Structure formats: C-alpha cells, structure tokens
C-alpha cells in the first residue's frame, strides 16, 4: 500500500528558502499526480501546488506563484516543493497527497480527489 512521508520543514526567517520532500513507499508514484496543501493556524486547508503524473502540468495558488516551484523525481519516488521568499503567512503544516487523474497532464488544485495523504511537516516563518 502506498504511503507518503513529508520532510524538510523547519523554522526559518522571512525571505529564506526551504525545500520540502514527499517520499513515497509501497508503490510507484509514476502514474499519480501529487498535490501539496497546507493548513495555517486557525485557517482552512488550502491547495498550494500540484504536479501531473507526467510532470507536464503544474498549478500554483496565487499566493505562492513566483516563489514556489514543484518538481518530481520518479526514479526517487519523490516530489519536491521548492519554497523561496518565505513569508510569515506561509507558516503552517504542509501535506502532500496523491491522486489518480484521468489524464497524465492534469492535477487537481483542490483536495477532494486526493486519496492518500502524508502526516505533514511543519513550516514556521518568523518575521
């Protein structure tokens, strides 16, 4: 059974960068789209970014466009979220999740299609 584990979170100052990793075990990520989501304190979970199974389709929330970049390494069964220019409003628990979309160039920006989730990694950005 597929399992996901996120890592790479931590405490950083505003303007700094982090790279989150989502590592899969138990199955191959090759045919799955991956989404990154976050939940800030006191707020609803929101979609941050996603990447299609072929890696040809990506999406970003408006709040992170130009600062975050998603990539995948299927040989390593890993998806990355590169975060730069971090701001205090980026603070939250970041989760990765998988989806089996109908096409290999699509990923969903919303949480409902994603069926397997990791436990999350905390990102804290101080001002």
N, C-alpha and C. Protein backbone atom coordinates (compact mmCIF):
# COMPACT_ATOMS: atom_id res chain seq x y z
N UNK A 1 0.84 -1.18 0.00
CA UNK A 1 0.00 0.00 0.00
C UNK A 1 0.88 1.24 0.00
N UNK A 2 0.49 2.22 -0.80
CA UNK A 2 1.26 3.44 -0.92
C UNK A 2 1.21 4.25 0.36
N UNK A 3 2.37 4.74 0.78
CA UNK A 3 2.46 5.64 1.91
C UNK A 3 3.30 6.84 1.51
N UNK A 4 2.97 7.98 2.07
CA UNK A 4 3.69 9.22 1.81
C UNK A 4 4.24 9.79 3.10
N UNK A 5 5.44 10.32 3.04
CA UNK A 5 6.02 10.99 4.20
C UNK A 5 6.67 12.29 3.73
N UNK A 6 6.28 13.38 4.37
CA UNK A 6 6.86 14.68 4.06
C UNK A 6 8.05 14.95 4.98
N UNK A 7 8.99 15.74 4.47
CA UNK A 7 10.12 16.18 5.29
C UNK A 7 10.64 17.50 4.74
N UNK A 8 11.52 18.13 5.50
CA UNK A 8 12.15 19.36 5.04
C UNK A 8 11.61 20.61 5.68
N UNK A 9 10.58 20.47 6.50
CA UNK A 9 10.05 21.65 7.17
C UNK A 9 11.01 22.13 8.25
N UNK A 10 10.69 23.30 8.81
CA UNK A 10 11.53 23.84 9.86
C UNK A 10 11.17 25.27 10.16
N UNK A 11 12.02 25.90 10.95
CA UNK A 11 11.84 27.31 11.33
C UNK A 11 12.85 28.15 10.55
N UNK A 12 12.34 29.11 9.80
CA UNK A 12 13.21 29.99 9.02
C UNK A 12 12.76 31.44 9.21
N UNK A 13 13.62 32.35 8.79
CA UNK A 13 13.27 33.76 8.82
C UNK A 13 12.64 34.18 7.49
N UNK A 14 11.89 35.24 7.53
CA UNK A 14 11.26 35.75 6.31
C UNK A 14 12.33 36.00 5.24
N UNK A 15 12.01 35.61 4.03
CA UNK A 15 12.93 35.77 2.92
C UNK A 15 13.78 34.55 2.63
N UNK A 16 13.83 33.64 3.57
CA UNK A 16 14.65 32.43 3.37
C UNK A 16 13.89 31.36 2.57
N UNK A 17 14.58 30.26 2.35
CA UNK A 17 14.04 29.20 1.50
C UNK A 17 14.03 27.86 2.22
N UNK A 18 13.16 26.99 1.76
CA UNK A 18 13.12 25.60 2.20
C UNK A 18 12.76 24.73 1.01
N UNK A 19 13.17 23.48 1.07
CA UNK A 19 12.73 22.51 0.09
C UNK A 19 12.05 21.36 0.83
N UNK A 20 10.78 21.18 0.56
CA UNK A 20 10.04 20.06 1.13
C UNK A 20 10.12 18.86 0.20
N UNK A 21 10.17 17.68 0.81
CA UNK A 21 10.17 16.44 0.05
C UNK A 21 8.96 15.61 0.43
N UNK A 22 8.42 14.93 -0.54
CA UNK A 22 7.32 13.99 -0.32
C UNK A 22 7.81 12.66 -0.88
N UNK A 23 8.15 11.74 0.00
CA UNK A 23 8.71 10.47 -0.41
C UNK A 23 7.65 9.37 -0.30
N UNK A 24 7.52 8.61 -1.36
CA UNK A 24 6.53 7.53 -1.38
C UNK A 24 7.20 6.19 -1.16
N UNK A 25 6.48 5.30 -0.52
CA UNK A 25 6.93 3.92 -0.35
C UNK A 25 5.74 3.00 -0.56
N UNK A 26 6.02 1.76 -0.90
CA UNK A 26 4.97 0.77 -1.07
C UNK A 26 4.38 0.70 -2.45
N UNK A 27 4.64 1.68 -3.28
CA UNK A 27 4.13 1.69 -4.65
C UNK A 27 4.86 2.78 -5.41
N UNK A 28 4.65 2.81 -6.71
CA UNK A 28 5.33 3.77 -7.58
C UNK A 28 4.46 4.99 -7.79
N UNK A 29 5.08 6.18 -7.71
CA UNK A 29 4.34 7.42 -7.93
C UNK A 29 4.14 7.73 -9.42
N UNK A 30 4.73 6.94 -10.29
CA UNK A 30 4.85 7.32 -11.68
C UNK A 30 3.50 7.69 -12.32
N UNK A 31 2.43 7.02 -11.98
CA UNK A 31 1.13 7.28 -12.63
C UNK A 31 0.21 8.15 -11.78
N UNK A 32 0.77 8.77 -10.78
CA UNK A 32 -0.05 9.57 -9.88
C UNK A 32 0.30 11.05 -9.93
N UNK A 33 -0.71 11.87 -9.86
CA UNK A 33 -0.49 13.29 -9.63
C UNK A 33 -0.26 13.51 -8.14
N UNK A 34 0.49 14.56 -7.83
CA UNK A 34 0.78 14.88 -6.43
C UNK A 34 0.39 16.32 -6.15
N UNK A 35 -0.25 16.51 -5.03
CA UNK A 35 -0.61 17.86 -4.60
C UNK A 35 0.05 18.18 -3.27
N UNK A 36 0.37 19.46 -3.11
CA UNK A 36 0.82 19.98 -1.82
C UNK A 36 -0.26 20.89 -1.27
N UNK A 37 -0.56 20.71 0.00
CA UNK A 37 -1.57 21.51 0.68
C UNK A 37 -0.99 22.00 2.00
N UNK A 38 -1.60 23.01 2.54
CA UNK A 38 -1.15 23.50 3.85
C UNK A 38 -2.34 23.93 4.68
N UNK A 39 -2.12 23.85 5.98
CA UNK A 39 -3.13 24.34 6.92
C UNK A 39 -2.43 25.28 7.88
N UNK A 40 -2.80 26.53 7.81
CA UNK A 40 -2.27 27.54 8.72
C UNK A 40 -3.08 27.53 10.00
N UNK A 41 -2.49 27.98 11.09
CA UNK A 41 -3.22 28.01 12.36
C UNK A 41 -4.52 28.79 12.24
N UNK A 42 -5.61 28.15 12.63
CA UNK A 42 -6.90 28.81 12.62
C UNK A 42 -7.53 28.98 11.26
N UNK A 43 -6.94 28.37 10.23
CA UNK A 43 -7.47 28.54 8.88
C UNK A 43 -7.81 27.20 8.25
N UNK A 44 -8.56 27.26 7.17
CA UNK A 44 -8.89 26.06 6.44
C UNK A 44 -7.67 25.58 5.64
N UNK A 45 -7.68 24.29 5.35
CA UNK A 45 -6.64 23.74 4.48
C UNK A 45 -6.76 24.36 3.09
N UNK A 46 -5.62 24.67 2.47
CA UNK A 46 -5.65 25.25 1.14
C UNK A 46 -4.66 24.53 0.24
N UNK A 47 -4.98 24.51 -1.04
CA UNK A 47 -4.07 23.95 -2.01
C UNK A 47 -2.92 24.90 -2.28
N UNK A 48 -1.72 24.38 -2.36
CA UNK A 48 -0.54 25.19 -2.62
C UNK A 48 -0.04 24.99 -4.04
N UNK A 49 0.10 23.72 -4.42
CA UNK A 49 0.64 23.41 -5.75
C UNK A 49 0.33 21.96 -6.07
N UNK A 50 0.39 21.63 -7.35
CA UNK A 50 0.25 20.23 -7.74
C UNK A 50 1.02 20.00 -9.02
N UNK A 51 1.30 18.72 -9.29
CA UNK A 51 2.02 18.34 -10.50
C UNK A 51 1.39 17.08 -11.07
N UNK A 52 1.23 17.04 -12.38
CA UNK A 52 0.60 15.90 -13.02
C UNK A 52 1.52 14.69 -13.01
N UNK A 53 0.98 13.54 -13.34
CA UNK A 53 1.77 12.31 -13.32
C UNK A 53 2.91 12.37 -14.34
N UNK A 54 2.69 13.02 -15.46
CA UNK A 54 3.75 13.14 -16.46
C UNK A 54 4.70 14.29 -16.17
N UNK A 55 4.36 15.10 -15.20
CA UNK A 55 5.19 16.25 -14.86
C UNK A 55 5.00 17.43 -15.79
N UNK A 56 4.07 17.30 -16.72
CA UNK A 56 3.88 18.36 -17.72
C UNK A 56 2.86 19.40 -17.30
N UNK A 57 2.07 19.09 -16.31
CA UNK A 57 1.08 20.04 -15.83
C UNK A 57 1.35 20.39 -14.38
N UNK A 58 1.38 21.70 -14.09
CA UNK A 58 1.56 22.16 -12.72
C UNK A 58 0.57 23.28 -12.44
N UNK A 59 0.25 23.45 -11.18
CA UNK A 59 -0.62 24.54 -10.75
C UNK A 59 -0.06 25.11 -9.46
N UNK A 60 -0.34 26.39 -9.25
CA UNK A 60 0.09 27.08 -8.04
C UNK A 60 -1.02 27.99 -7.54
N UNK A 61 -1.12 28.07 -6.22
CA UNK A 61 -2.01 29.07 -5.64
C UNK A 61 -1.46 30.45 -5.94
N UNK A 62 -2.35 31.41 -6.11
CA UNK A 62 -1.91 32.77 -6.43
C UNK A 62 -0.93 33.30 -5.39
N UNK A 63 -1.11 32.91 -4.16
CA UNK A 63 -0.28 33.44 -3.07
C UNK A 63 1.16 32.96 -3.12
N UNK A 64 1.43 31.90 -3.90
CA UNK A 64 2.79 31.36 -3.94
C UNK A 64 3.42 31.44 -5.32
N UNK A 65 2.67 31.89 -6.31
CA UNK A 65 3.21 31.98 -7.66
C UNK A 65 4.45 32.86 -7.70
N UNK A 66 5.46 32.36 -8.40
CA UNK A 66 6.70 33.10 -8.50
C UNK A 66 7.66 32.85 -7.35
N UNK A 67 7.17 32.23 -6.29
CA UNK A 67 8.03 31.94 -5.13
C UNK A 67 8.23 30.44 -4.91
N UNK A 68 7.22 29.66 -5.22
CA UNK A 68 7.28 28.21 -5.02
C UNK A 68 7.38 27.51 -6.37
N UNK A 69 8.04 26.35 -6.35
CA UNK A 69 8.17 25.55 -7.56
C UNK A 69 8.05 24.08 -7.18
N UNK A 70 7.28 23.33 -7.96
CA UNK A 70 7.08 21.92 -7.69
C UNK A 70 7.81 21.10 -8.75
N UNK A 71 8.37 19.99 -8.33
CA UNK A 71 9.05 19.11 -9.28
C UNK A 71 8.93 17.67 -8.79
N UNK A 72 9.23 16.74 -9.67
CA UNK A 72 9.15 15.34 -9.29
C UNK A 72 10.34 14.57 -9.84
N UNK A 73 10.74 13.56 -9.09
CA UNK A 73 11.81 12.66 -9.48
C UNK A 73 11.26 11.25 -9.33
N UNK A 74 10.74 10.72 -10.40
CA UNK A 74 10.09 9.41 -10.31
C UNK A 74 11.07 8.30 -9.99
N UNK A 75 12.31 8.45 -10.39
CA UNK A 75 13.32 7.43 -10.06
C UNK A 75 13.51 7.34 -8.55
N UNK A 76 13.35 8.47 -7.87
CA UNK A 76 13.49 8.51 -6.42
C UNK A 76 12.14 8.40 -5.72
N UNK A 77 11.08 8.28 -6.51
CA UNK A 77 9.72 8.21 -5.94
C UNK A 77 9.44 9.40 -5.01
N UNK A 78 9.84 10.57 -5.46
CA UNK A 78 9.79 11.77 -4.62
C UNK A 78 9.28 12.97 -5.40
N UNK A 79 8.51 13.78 -4.72
CA UNK A 79 8.08 15.06 -5.25
C UNK A 79 8.58 16.15 -4.31
N UNK A 80 9.02 17.24 -4.90
CA UNK A 80 9.61 18.33 -4.11
C UNK A 80 8.75 19.59 -4.23
N UNK A 81 8.80 20.37 -3.18
CA UNK A 81 8.23 21.72 -3.22
C UNK A 81 9.34 22.67 -2.80
N UNK A 82 9.82 23.44 -3.78
CA UNK A 82 10.88 24.40 -3.53
C UNK A 82 10.22 25.73 -3.16
N UNK A 83 10.52 26.22 -1.98
CA UNK A 83 9.88 27.42 -1.47
C UNK A 83 10.94 28.49 -1.23
N UNK A 84 10.78 29.62 -1.87
CA UNK A 84 11.70 30.72 -1.67
C UNK A 84 10.93 31.97 -1.29
N UNK A 85 11.64 32.96 -0.79
CA UNK A 85 10.97 34.18 -0.36
C UNK A 85 9.88 33.93 0.65
N UNK A 86 10.13 33.04 1.58
CA UNK A 86 9.09 32.66 2.54
C UNK A 86 8.68 33.85 3.40
N UNK A 87 7.39 33.89 3.70
CA UNK A 87 6.80 34.94 4.50
C UNK A 87 6.05 34.35 5.69
N UNK A 88 5.82 35.11 6.73
CA UNK A 88 5.11 34.57 7.89
C UNK A 88 3.76 33.94 7.53
N UNK A 89 3.09 34.45 6.52
CA UNK A 89 1.81 33.88 6.12
C UNK A 89 1.95 32.52 5.46
N UNK A 90 3.17 32.08 5.19
CA UNK A 90 3.39 30.73 4.67
C UNK A 90 3.48 29.69 5.80
N UNK A 91 3.45 30.15 7.02
CA UNK A 91 3.51 29.25 8.16
C UNK A 91 2.33 28.29 8.17
N UNK A 92 2.61 27.02 8.47
CA UNK A 92 1.56 26.04 8.55
C UNK A 92 2.11 24.63 8.45
N UNK A 93 1.21 23.67 8.52
CA UNK A 93 1.59 22.28 8.29
C UNK A 93 1.36 21.99 6.81
N UNK A 94 2.38 21.46 6.18
CA UNK A 94 2.33 21.16 4.75
C UNK A 94 2.16 19.66 4.54
N UNK A 95 1.21 19.33 3.70
CA UNK A 95 0.89 17.94 3.42
C UNK A 95 1.04 17.67 1.93
N UNK A 96 1.49 16.46 1.58
CA UNK A 96 1.41 16.01 0.20
C UNK A 96 0.36 14.91 0.11
N UNK A 97 -0.19 14.74 -1.07
CA UNK A 97 -1.25 13.77 -1.28
C UNK A 97 -1.22 13.31 -2.73
N UNK A 98 -1.79 12.13 -2.99
CA UNK A 98 -1.79 11.59 -4.35
C UNK A 98 -3.19 11.47 -4.91
N UNK A 99 -3.24 11.54 -6.22
CA UNK A 99 -4.49 11.40 -6.96
C UNK A 99 -4.21 10.59 -8.22
N UNK A 100 -5.22 9.88 -8.70
CA UNK A 100 -5.11 9.11 -9.93
C UNK A 100 -5.99 9.78 -10.99
N UNK A 101 -5.53 10.87 -11.62
CA UNK A 101 -6.39 11.57 -12.57
C UNK A 101 -6.55 10.80 -13.87
N UNK A 102 -7.51 11.22 -14.65
CA UNK A 102 -7.82 10.53 -15.90
C UNK A 102 -6.75 10.76 -16.98
N UNK A 103 -6.07 11.88 -16.89
CA UNK A 103 -5.04 12.18 -17.89
C UNK A 103 -3.72 12.47 -17.19
N UNK A 104 -2.62 12.27 -17.92
CA UNK A 104 -1.31 12.41 -17.30
C UNK A 104 -0.78 13.84 -17.31
N UNK A 105 -1.58 14.78 -17.83
CA UNK A 105 -1.13 16.17 -17.85
C UNK A 105 -1.98 17.06 -16.96
N UNK A 106 -2.75 16.46 -16.10
CA UNK A 106 -3.66 17.22 -15.25
C UNK A 106 -3.41 16.91 -13.78
N UNK A 107 -3.56 17.93 -12.94
CA UNK A 107 -3.59 17.72 -11.50
C UNK A 107 -4.65 18.64 -10.92
N UNK A 108 -5.27 18.19 -9.87
CA UNK A 108 -6.36 18.96 -9.26
C UNK A 108 -5.81 19.92 -8.22
N UNK A 109 -6.28 21.17 -8.23
CA UNK A 109 -5.85 22.13 -7.22
C UNK A 109 -6.62 22.03 -5.91
N UNK A 110 -7.65 21.19 -5.88
CA UNK A 110 -8.46 21.05 -4.67
C UNK A 110 -8.25 19.68 -4.06
N UNK A 111 -8.61 19.56 -2.79
CA UNK A 111 -8.23 18.37 -2.02
C UNK A 111 -9.09 17.15 -2.28
N UNK A 112 -10.32 17.35 -2.73
CA UNK A 112 -11.26 16.22 -2.73
C UNK A 112 -10.84 15.00 -3.54
N UNK A 113 -10.16 15.13 -4.68
CA UNK A 113 -9.79 13.89 -5.40
C UNK A 113 -8.64 13.10 -4.78
N UNK A 114 -7.90 13.73 -3.89
CA UNK A 114 -6.69 13.09 -3.36
C UNK A 114 -7.06 12.07 -2.28
N UNK A 115 -6.53 10.87 -2.44
CA UNK A 115 -6.99 9.79 -1.56
C UNK A 115 -5.96 9.32 -0.54
N UNK A 116 -4.69 9.59 -0.76
CA UNK A 116 -3.67 9.17 0.20
C UNK A 116 -2.87 10.40 0.61
N UNK A 117 -2.74 10.59 1.91
CA UNK A 117 -2.11 11.78 2.46
C UNK A 117 -0.96 11.41 3.38
N UNK A 118 0.03 12.28 3.40
CA UNK A 118 1.10 12.13 4.37
C UNK A 118 0.72 12.78 5.69
N UNK A 119 1.54 12.59 6.72
CA UNK A 119 1.22 13.13 8.05
C UNK A 119 1.52 14.63 8.17
N UNK A 120 2.28 15.18 7.24
CA UNK A 120 2.56 16.62 7.26
C UNK A 120 3.91 16.96 7.86
N UNK A 121 4.39 18.15 7.50
CA UNK A 121 5.63 18.69 8.05
C UNK A 121 5.40 20.17 8.37
N UNK A 122 5.89 20.61 9.51
CA UNK A 122 5.64 21.97 9.97
C UNK A 122 6.63 22.93 9.35
N UNK A 123 6.09 24.03 8.84
CA UNK A 123 6.90 25.14 8.34
C UNK A 123 6.53 26.37 9.15
N UNK A 124 7.53 26.98 9.76
CA UNK A 124 7.30 28.19 10.53
C UNK A 124 8.23 29.28 10.02
N UNK A 125 7.65 30.41 9.66
CA UNK A 125 8.42 31.53 9.13
C UNK A 125 8.28 32.70 10.09
N UNK A 126 9.40 33.14 10.63
CA UNK A 126 9.37 34.26 11.56
C UNK A 126 9.65 35.56 10.82
N UNK A 127 9.09 36.63 11.33
CA UNK A 127 9.25 37.93 10.67
C UNK A 127 10.52 38.63 11.12
